[in-house]
Amino acid sequence: MCGRFTLTASGEELAEEFGLVEAPEVAPRYNIAPTQPVLVVRARASGRRAEWMKWGIAFPPARGRNPPLLLNARAETLGERPAWKDALWRRRCLVPADGFYEWKAEGGRKQPFYVTRRDGRPFALAGLWQPRFTAGGEASCTIVTTSPLPPVADLHDRMPVLLSVEGRALWLDEAAGREPVVELLLTPSLPHELVAHPVGPLVNKASNEDPACREPLTASAAPRGQLSLGLDPRGD
């Protein structure tokens, strides 16, 4: 699962990294949470452009029930679930991020960790988007997840699908054949070296929007044994 992430890169950095037609206006975000606006990259006829969408897709009520808010979509079942079949082939997008949080269950508590690229640059999460359902609604998106690879495998049983430069082009290409898209989803890889470190409980509250959310715990502040996970506690 991916439930929180960060995006602190400048608009110019994002334009360079994602090949955007123009740089978006952005402010550093240290604790992006569900239902908040997130930046997504879509392929338009004029080139790649950044847009704002709400994180979490809520389909219209059916049979008197309100469907759950869909923050994530499992890569392995995208082609099977009615909710994602159309979006998989017609509405793929990238969700820029420069880090994401995962919680590791230990001894009856959950310790948050921050996962980022070793070089600190932004990466691309595979996403799907949905147009607004009503005139007063808004476009929304979900993040595609897959089986975890190190170092996330030490923390959680799911992680976002991270895309290489080539993978981004394929993911955004609506004319791409189904076989390469499926292969991209079912053969997860780490296009960049990732590192992870434990952080404090500040990130647990969505209203906390502060650089301290992602700062590493010191050895004295971490629970016993927390820094001996084979991860990089410094993130450098």
C-alpha atoms as a PDB file:
ATOM      1  CA  MET A   1       0.000   0.000   0.000  1.00  0.00           C
ATOM      2  CA  CYS A   2       1.033   3.603  -0.496  1.00  0.00           C
ATOM      3  CA  GLY A   3      -0.727   5.908   1.971  1.00  0.00           C
ATOM      4  CA  ARG A   4       1.523   8.979   2.250  1.00  0.00           C
ATOM      5  CA  PHE A   5       4.271  10.502   0.138  1.00  0.00           C
ATOM      6  CA  THR A   6       6.316  13.647  -0.430  1.00  0.00           C
ATOM      7  CA  LEU A   7       7.000  15.955  -3.346  1.00  0.00           C
ATOM      8  CA  THR A   8       9.505  18.691  -2.598  1.00  0.00           C
ATOM      9  CA  ALA A   9      11.161  19.181  -6.005  1.00  0.00           C
ATOM     10  CA  SER A  10      10.751  22.521  -7.760  1.00  0.00           C
ATOM     11  CA  GLY A  11       8.616  22.959 -10.860  1.00  0.00           C
ATOM     12  CA  GLU A  12      11.762  23.327 -12.956  1.00  0.00           C
ATOM     13  CA  GLU A  13      13.210  20.081 -11.589  1.00  0.00           C
ATOM     14  CA  LEU A  14       9.961  18.257 -12.326  1.00  0.00           C
ATOM     15  CA  ALA A  15       9.822  19.657 -15.866  1.00  0.00           C
ATOM     16  CA  GLU A  16      13.344  18.368 -16.503  1.00  0.00           C
ATOM     17  CA  GLU A  17      12.785  14.974 -14.899  1.00  0.00           C
ATOM     18  CA  PHE A  18       9.472  14.258 -16.626  1.00  0.00           C
ATOM     19  CA  GLY A  19       9.933  16.087 -19.921  1.00  0.00           C
ATOM     20  CA  LEU A  20       7.061  18.495 -19.293  1.00  0.00           C
ATOM     21  CA  VAL A  21       6.002  21.151 -21.782  1.00  0.00           C
ATOM     22  CA  GLU A  22       6.070  23.729 -18.983  1.00  0.00           C
ATOM     23  CA  ALA A  23       7.091  23.809 -15.342  1.00  0.00           C
ATOM     24  CA  PRO A  24       4.184  23.491 -12.877  1.00  0.00           C
ATOM     25  CA  GLU A  25       3.710  25.802  -9.917  1.00  0.00           C
ATOM     26  CA  VAL A  26       4.381  23.695  -6.844  1.00  0.00           C
ATOM     27  CA  ALA A  27       5.189  24.132  -3.179  1.00  0.00           C
ATOM     28  CA  PRO A  28       7.136  21.574  -1.094  1.00  0.00           C
ATOM     29  CA  ARG A  29       4.865  18.869   0.365  1.00  0.00           C
ATOM     30  CA  TYR A  30       6.127  16.637   3.171  1.00  0.00           C
ATOM     31  CA  ASN A  31       3.048  14.608   4.099  1.00  0.00           C
ATOM     32  CA  ILE A  32       0.702  14.196   1.129  1.00  0.00           C
ATOM     33  CA  ALA A  33      -2.382  12.281   2.259  1.00  0.00           C
ATOM     34  CA  PRO A  34      -5.459  10.719   0.623  1.00  0.00           C
ATOM     35  CA  THR A  35      -8.208  13.080  -0.647  1.00  0.00           C
ATOM     36  CA  GLN A  36      -5.658  15.897  -1.041  1.00  0.00           C
ATOM     37  CA  PRO A  37      -4.739  17.356  -4.451  1.00  0.00           C
ATOM     38  CA  VAL A  38      -1.731  15.676  -6.040  1.00  0.00           C
ATOM     39  CA  LEU A  39       0.265  16.434  -9.150  1.00  0.00           C
ATOM     40  CA  VAL A  40      -0.066  13.947 -12.015  1.00  0.00           C
ATOM     41  CA  VAL A  41       1.599  13.816 -15.427  1.00  0.00           C
ATOM     42  CA  ARG A  42      -0.464  12.997 -18.498  1.00  0.00           C
ATOM     43  CA  ALA A  43       0.446  12.676 -22.163  1.00  0.00           C
ATOM     44  CA  ARG A  44      -1.417  15.257 -24.235  1.00  0.00           C
ATOM     45  CA  ALA A  45      -1.310  15.939 -27.979  1.00  0.00           C
ATOM     46  CA  SER A  46       0.898  18.957 -27.195  1.00  0.00           C
ATOM     47  CA  GLY A  47       3.258  16.946 -24.966  1.00  0.00           C
ATOM     48  CA  ARG A  48       3.485  15.879 -21.345  1.00  0.00           C
ATOM     49  CA  ARG A  49       1.677  18.185 -18.948  1.00  0.00           C
ATOM     50  CA  ALA A  50       1.245  18.294 -15.177  1.00  0.00           C
ATOM     51  CA  GLU A  51      -2.274  18.527 -13.739  1.00  0.00           C
ATOM     52  CA  TRP A  52      -3.864  18.494 -10.298  1.00  0.00           C
ATOM     53  CA  MET A  53      -6.201  15.694  -9.247  1.00  0.00           C
ATOM     54  CA  LYS A  54      -7.635  14.421  -5.988  1.00  0.00           C
ATOM     55  CA  TRP A  55      -5.881  11.367  -4.593  1.00  0.00           C
ATOM     56  CA  GLY A  56      -8.435   8.610  -4.206  1.00  0.00           C
ATOM     57  CA  ILE A  57     -11.143   7.502  -6.628  1.00  0.00           C
ATOM     58  CA  ALA A  58     -14.684   7.202  -5.277  1.00  0.00           C
ATOM     59  CA  PHE A  59     -17.100   5.752  -7.797  1.00  0.00           C
ATOM     60  CA  PRO A  60     -20.759   6.832  -7.693  1.00  0.00           C
ATOM     61  CA  PRO A  61     -23.047   5.044  -5.190  1.00  0.00           C
ATOM     62  CA  ALA A  62     -24.486   1.761  -6.417  1.00  0.00           C
ATOM     63  CA  ARG A  63     -27.420  -0.199  -4.982  1.00  0.00           C
ATOM     64  CA  GLY A  64     -27.728   2.318  -2.176  1.00  0.00           C
ATOM     65  CA  ARG A  65     -24.137   1.870  -1.009  1.00  0.00           C
ATOM     66  CA  ASN A  66     -21.179   4.215  -1.211  1.00  0.00           C
ATOM     67  CA  PRO A  67     -18.120   2.438  -2.671  1.00  0.00           C
ATOM     68  CA  PRO A  68     -14.852   2.768  -0.736  1.00  0.00           C
ATOM     69  CA  LEU A  69     -12.262   5.393  -1.589  1.00  0.00           C
ATOM     70  CA  LEU A  70      -9.709   3.640  -3.811  1.00  0.00           C
ATOM     71  CA  LEU A  71      -6.253   4.991  -2.999  1.00  0.00           C
ATOM     72  CA  ASN A  72      -4.298   2.109  -4.514  1.00  0.00           C
ATOM     73  CA  ALA A  73      -4.854  -0.449  -7.259  1.00  0.00           C
ATOM     74  CA  ARG A  74      -3.121  -3.833  -7.282  1.00  0.00           C
ATOM     75  CA  ALA A  75      -1.033  -4.319 -10.430  1.00  0.00           C
ATOM     76  CA  GLU A  76      -1.725  -8.057 -10.521  1.00  0.00           C
ATOM     77  CA  THR A  77      -5.508  -7.649 -10.883  1.00  0.00           C
ATOM     78  CA  LEU A  78      -5.899  -4.428 -12.875  1.00  0.00           C
ATOM     79  CA  GLY A  79      -7.099  -6.273 -15.968  1.00  0.00           C
ATOM     80  CA  GLU A  80      -9.645  -8.295 -13.997  1.00  0.00           C
ATOM     81  CA  ARG A  81     -11.396  -5.768 -11.776  1.00  0.00           C
ATOM     82  CA  PRO A  82     -14.250  -3.851 -13.452  1.00  0.00           C
ATOM     83  CA  ALA A  83     -13.182  -0.669 -11.658  1.00  0.00           C
ATOM     84  CA  TRP A  84      -9.810  -0.612 -13.441  1.00  0.00           C
ATOM     85  CA  LYS A  85     -10.248  -2.300 -16.814  1.00  0.00           C
ATOM     86  CA  ASP A  86     -11.084   0.860 -18.735  1.00  0.00           C
ATOM     87  CA  ALA A  87      -8.580   3.064 -16.919  1.00  0.00           C
ATOM     88  CA  LEU A  88      -5.758   0.562 -17.471  1.00  0.00           C
ATOM     89  CA  TRP A  89      -5.962   0.942 -21.225  1.00  0.00           C
ATOM     90  CA  ARG A  90      -7.198   4.515 -21.577  1.00  0.00           C
ATOM     91  CA  ARG A  91      -6.261   6.584 -18.515  1.00  0.00           C
ATOM     92  CA  ARG A  92      -2.726   5.931 -17.328  1.00  0.00           C
ATOM     93  CA  CYS A  93      -0.696   8.663 -15.660  1.00  0.00           C
ATOM     94  CA  LEU A  94       2.435   9.277 -13.618  1.00  0.00           C
ATOM     95  CA  VAL A  95       2.389  10.487 -10.028  1.00  0.00           C
ATOM     96  CA  PRO A  96       5.634  12.370  -9.269  1.00  0.00           C
ATOM     97  CA  ALA A  97       7.099  11.860  -5.788  1.00  0.00           C
ATOM     98  CA  ASP A  98      10.487  12.105  -4.155  1.00  0.00           C
ATOM     99  CA  GLY A  99       9.721   9.807  -1.255  1.00  0.00           C
ATOM    100  CA  PHE A 100       6.967   7.757   0.351  1.00  0.00           C
ATOM    101  CA  TYR A 101       6.186   6.471   3.824  1.00  0.00           C
ATOM    102  CA  GLU A 102       5.528   2.916   4.967  1.00  0.00           C
ATOM    103  CA  TRP A 103       4.668   1.598   8.413  1.00  0.00           C
ATOM    104  CA  LYS A 104       6.307  -1.536   9.809  1.00  0.00           C
ATOM    105  CA  ALA A 105       4.343  -3.453  12.431  1.00  0.00           C
ATOM    106  CA  GLU A 106       6.535  -4.331  15.406  1.00  0.00           C
ATOM    107  CA  GLY A 107       5.496  -5.405  18.867  1.00  0.00           C
ATOM    108  CA  GLY A 108       1.972  -4.074  18.721  1.00  0.00           C
ATOM    109  CA  ARG A 109       2.953  -0.709  17.256  1.00  0.00           C
ATOM    110  CA  LYS A 110       3.672   0.670  13.819  1.00  0.00           C
ATOM    111  CA  GLN A 111       6.935   2.429  13.101  1.00  0.00           C
ATOM    112  CA  PRO A 112       6.881   4.819  10.118  1.00  0.00           C
ATOM    113  CA  PHE A 113       9.744   4.721   7.609  1.00  0.00           C
ATOM    114  CA  TYR A 114      10.641   7.096   4.801  1.00  0.00           C
ATOM    115  CA  VAL A 115      11.727   5.597   1.465  1.00  0.00           C
ATOM    116  CA  THR A 116      13.521   7.697  -1.138  1.00  0.00           C
ATOM    117  CA  ARG A 117      16.085   7.570  -3.924  1.00  0.00           C
ATOM    118  CA  ARG A 118      19.659   7.590  -2.743  1.00  0.00           C
ATOM    119  CA  ASP A 119      20.366  10.607  -4.980  1.00  0.00           C
ATOM    120  CA  GLY A 120      17.266  12.437  -3.722  1.00  0.00           C
ATOM    121  CA  ARG A 121      15.767  13.015  -7.178  1.00  0.00           C
ATOM    122  CA  PRO A 122      12.065  12.560  -7.951  1.00  0.00           C
ATOM    123  CA  PHE A 123      10.731   9.258  -9.198  1.00  0.00           C
ATOM    124  CA  ALA A 124       7.574   8.270 -11.046  1.00  0.00           C
ATOM    125  CA  LEU A 125       4.777   6.215  -9.504  1.00  0.00           C
ATOM    126  CA  ALA A 126       2.441   4.447 -11.916  1.00  0.00           C
ATOM    127  CA  GLY A 127      -1.058   5.850 -11.614  1.00  0.00           C
ATOM    128  CA  LEU A 128      -4.536   5.662 -13.111  1.00  0.00           C
ATOM    129  CA  TRP A 129      -6.923   8.579 -13.333  1.00  0.00           C
ATOM    130  CA  GLN A 130     -10.662   9.021 -13.543  1.00  0.00           C
ATOM    131  CA  PRO A 131     -12.544  12.025 -14.969  1.00  0.00           C
ATOM    132  CA  ARG A 132     -15.077  13.750 -12.769  1.00  0.00           C
ATOM    133  CA  PHE A 133     -18.394  11.931 -12.441  1.00  0.00           C
ATOM    134  CA  THR A 134     -20.546  15.052 -12.014  1.00  0.00           C
ATOM    135  CA  ALA A 135     -20.415  18.645 -13.181  1.00  0.00           C
ATOM    136  CA  GLY A 136     -19.342  19.759  -9.729  1.00  0.00           C
ATOM    137  CA  GLY A 137     -16.890  16.921  -9.193  1.00  0.00           C
ATOM    138  CA  GLU A 138     -13.185  16.698  -9.839  1.00  0.00           C
ATOM    139  CA  ALA A 139     -10.796  14.365 -11.606  1.00  0.00           C
ATOM    140  CA  SER A 140      -9.149  11.847  -9.293  1.00  0.00           C
ATOM    141  CA  CYS A 141      -6.346   9.300  -9.345  1.00  0.00           C
ATOM    142  CA  THR A 142      -5.041   6.153  -7.714  1.00  0.00           C
ATOM    143  CA  ILE A 143      -1.516   4.737  -7.296  1.00  0.00           C
ATOM    144  CA  VAL A 144      -0.712   1.270  -8.652  1.00  0.00           C
ATOM    145  CA  THR A 145       1.056  -1.063  -6.208  1.00  0.00           C
ATOM    146  CA  THR A 146       2.988  -4.297  -6.582  1.00  0.00           C
ATOM    147  CA  SER A 147       4.973  -6.857  -4.574  1.00  0.00           C
ATOM    148  CA  PRO A 148       7.772  -5.140  -2.644  1.00  0.00           C
ATOM    149  CA  LEU A 149      11.465  -5.193  -3.424  1.00  0.00           C
ATOM    150  CA  PRO A 150      14.305  -4.252  -1.043  1.00  0.00           C
ATOM    151  CA  PRO A 151      14.388  -2.155   1.030  1.00  0.00           C
ATOM    152  CA  VAL A 152      10.579  -1.906   1.119  1.00  0.00           C
ATOM    153  CA  ALA A 153      10.222  -5.689   1.452  1.00  0.00           C
ATOM    154  CA  ASP A 154      11.590  -5.358   4.988  1.00  0.00           C
ATOM    155  CA  LEU A 155       8.772  -2.967   5.870  1.00  0.00           C
ATOM    156  CA  HIS A 156       5.552  -3.883   4.072  1.00  0.00           C
ATOM    157  CA  ASP A 157       3.979  -6.416   1.704  1.00  0.00           C
ATOM    158  CA  ARG A 158       3.169  -3.837  -1.000  1.00  0.00           C
ATOM    159  CA  MET A 159       4.923  -0.900  -2.643  1.00  0.00           C
ATOM    160  CA  PRO A 160       4.163   1.566  -5.461  1.00  0.00           C
ATOM    161  CA  VAL A 161       5.115   0.598  -9.013  1.00  0.00           C
ATOM    162  CA  LEU A 162       8.214   2.706  -9.781  1.00  0.00           C
ATOM    163  CA  LEU A 163       8.874   3.439 -13.437  1.00  0.00           C
ATOM    164  CA  SER A 164      12.151   3.953 -15.265  1.00  0.00           C
ATOM    165  CA  VAL A 165      12.456   6.610 -17.971  1.00  0.00           C
ATOM    166  CA  GLU A 166      11.598   3.980 -20.592  1.00  0.00           C
ATOM    167  CA  GLY A 167       8.796   2.599 -18.434  1.00  0.00           C
ATOM    168  CA  ARG A 168       7.270   6.058 -18.075  1.00  0.00           C
ATOM    169  CA  ALA A 169       7.088   6.479 -21.847  1.00  0.00           C
ATOM    170  CA  LEU A 170       5.414   3.089 -22.240  1.00  0.00           C
ATOM    171  CA  TRP A 171       2.970   3.713 -19.391  1.00  0.00           C
ATOM    172  CA  LEU A 172       1.857   7.042 -20.888  1.00  0.00           C
ATOM    173  CA  ASP A 173       1.531   5.687 -24.435  1.00  0.00           C
ATOM    174  CA  GLU A 174      -2.149   4.876 -25.008  1.00  0.00           C
ATOM    175  CA  ALA A 175      -1.208   3.203 -28.290  1.00  0.00           C
ATOM    176  CA  ALA A 176       1.131   0.742 -26.569  1.00  0.00           C
ATOM    177  CA  GLY A 177       0.304  -2.928 -26.971  1.00  0.00           C
ATOM    178  CA  ARG A 178      -1.240  -4.779 -24.073  1.00  0.00           C
ATOM    179  CA  GLU A 179       1.559  -7.317 -23.744  1.00  0.00           C
ATOM    180  CA  PRO A 180       4.348  -4.807 -22.933  1.00  0.00           C
ATOM    181  CA  VAL A 181       2.084  -2.938 -20.509  1.00  0.00           C
ATOM    182  CA  VAL A 182       1.231  -6.161 -18.676  1.00  0.00           C
ATOM    183  CA  GLU A 183       4.902  -7.150 -18.609  1.00  0.00           C
ATOM    184  CA  LEU A 184       5.774  -3.759 -17.136  1.00  0.00           C
ATOM    185  CA  LEU A 185       3.278  -4.315 -14.320  1.00  0.00           C
ATOM    186  CA  LEU A 186       4.088  -7.947 -13.576  1.00  0.00           C
ATOM    187  CA  THR A 187       7.880  -7.682 -13.585  1.00  0.00           C
ATOM    188  CA  PRO A 188       8.499  -5.026 -10.927  1.00  0.00           C
ATOM    189  CA  SER A 189      11.948  -3.491 -10.818  1.00  0.00           C
ATOM    190  CA  LEU A 190      13.768  -0.719  -9.014  1.00  0.00           C
ATOM    191  CA  PRO A 191      14.933   1.758 -11.647  1.00  0.00           C
ATOM    192  CA  HIS A 192      16.851   3.681  -8.982  1.00  0.00           C
ATOM    193  CA  GLU A 193      18.613   2.735  -5.763  1.00  0.00           C
ATOM    194  CA  LEU A 194      16.316   3.257  -2.801  1.00  0.00           C
ATOM    195  CA  VAL A 195      17.141   3.818   0.852  1.00  0.00           C
ATOM    196  CA  ALA A 196      14.870   3.822   3.899  1.00  0.00           C
ATOM    197  CA  HIS A 197      15.110   5.213   7.414  1.00  0.00           C
ATOM    198  CA  PRO A 198      12.764   5.330  10.405  1.00  0.00           C
ATOM    199  CA  VAL A 199      11.050   8.629  11.164  1.00  0.00           C
ATOM    200  CA  GLY A 200       9.139  10.009  14.117  1.00  0.00           C
ATOM    201  CA  PRO A 201       5.366   9.908  14.749  1.00  0.00           C
ATOM    202  CA  LEU A 202       4.813  13.401  13.319  1.00  0.00           C
ATOM    203  CA  VAL A 203       3.901  11.886   9.933  1.00  0.00           C
ATOM    204  CA  ASN A 204       1.079   9.853  11.479  1.00  0.00           C
ATOM    205  CA  LYS A 205      -1.188  12.916  11.506  1.00  0.00           C
ATOM    206  CA  ALA A 206      -2.151  14.083   8.007  1.00  0.00           C
ATOM    207  CA  SER A 207      -2.391  17.727   9.085  1.00  0.00           C
ATOM    208  CA  ASN A 208       1.308  17.767   9.985  1.00  0.00           C
ATOM    209  CA  GLU A 209       2.997  19.301   6.942  1.00  0.00           C
ATOM    210  CA  ASP A 210       6.574  19.863   7.982  1.00  0.00           C
ATOM    211  CA  PRO A 211      10.078  18.858   6.811  1.00  0.00           C
ATOM    212  CA  ALA A 212      10.508  17.120  10.157  1.00  0.00           C
ATOM    213  CA  CYS A 213       8.063  14.416   8.992  1.00  0.00           C
ATOM    214  CA  ARG A 214      10.824  12.778   6.956  1.00  0.00           C
ATOM    215  CA  GLU A 215      13.823  13.468   9.189  1.00  0.00           C
ATOM    216  CA  PRO A 216      15.610  10.316  10.414  1.00  0.00           C
ATOM    217  CA  LEU A 217      15.130   9.188  13.987  1.00  0.00           C
ATOM    218  CA  THR A 218      18.266   9.362  16.077  1.00  0.00           C
ATOM    219  CA  ALA A 219      19.526   6.184  17.680  1.00  0.00           C
ATOM    220  CA  SER A 220      18.450   7.476  21.093  1.00  0.00           C
ATOM    221  CA  ALA A 221      14.905   8.277  19.933  1.00  0.00           C
ATOM    222  CA  ALA A 222      14.292   5.025  18.045  1.00  0.00           C
ATOM    223  CA  PRO A 223      12.911   1.912  19.757  1.00  0.00           C
ATOM    224  CA  ARG A 224      15.499  -0.709  20.622  1.00  0.00           C
ATOM    225  CA  GLY A 225      16.771  -2.500  17.521  1.00  0.00           C
ATOM    226  CA  GLN A 226      14.913  -0.174  15.169  1.00  0.00           C
ATOM    227  CA  LEU A 227      18.060   0.940  13.365  1.00  0.00           C
ATOM    228  CA  SER A 228      19.398  -2.570  12.782  1.00  0.00           C
ATOM    229  CA  LEU A 229      17.201  -3.529   9.818  1.00  0.00           C
ATOM    230  CA  GLY A 230      19.880  -3.613   7.161  1.00  0.00           C
ATOM    231  CA  LEU A 231      18.583  -0.284   5.821  1.00  0.00           C
ATOM    232  CA  ASP A 232      20.365   3.042   5.557  1.00  0.00           C
ATOM    233  CA  PRO A 233      19.382   5.104   8.642  1.00  0.00           C
ATOM    234  CA  ARG A 234      20.961   8.254   7.191  1.00  0.00           C
ATOM    235  CA  GLY A 235      19.523   8.094   3.664  1.00  0.00           C
ATOM    236  CA  ASP A 236      22.854   9.139   2.145  1.00  0.00           C
END
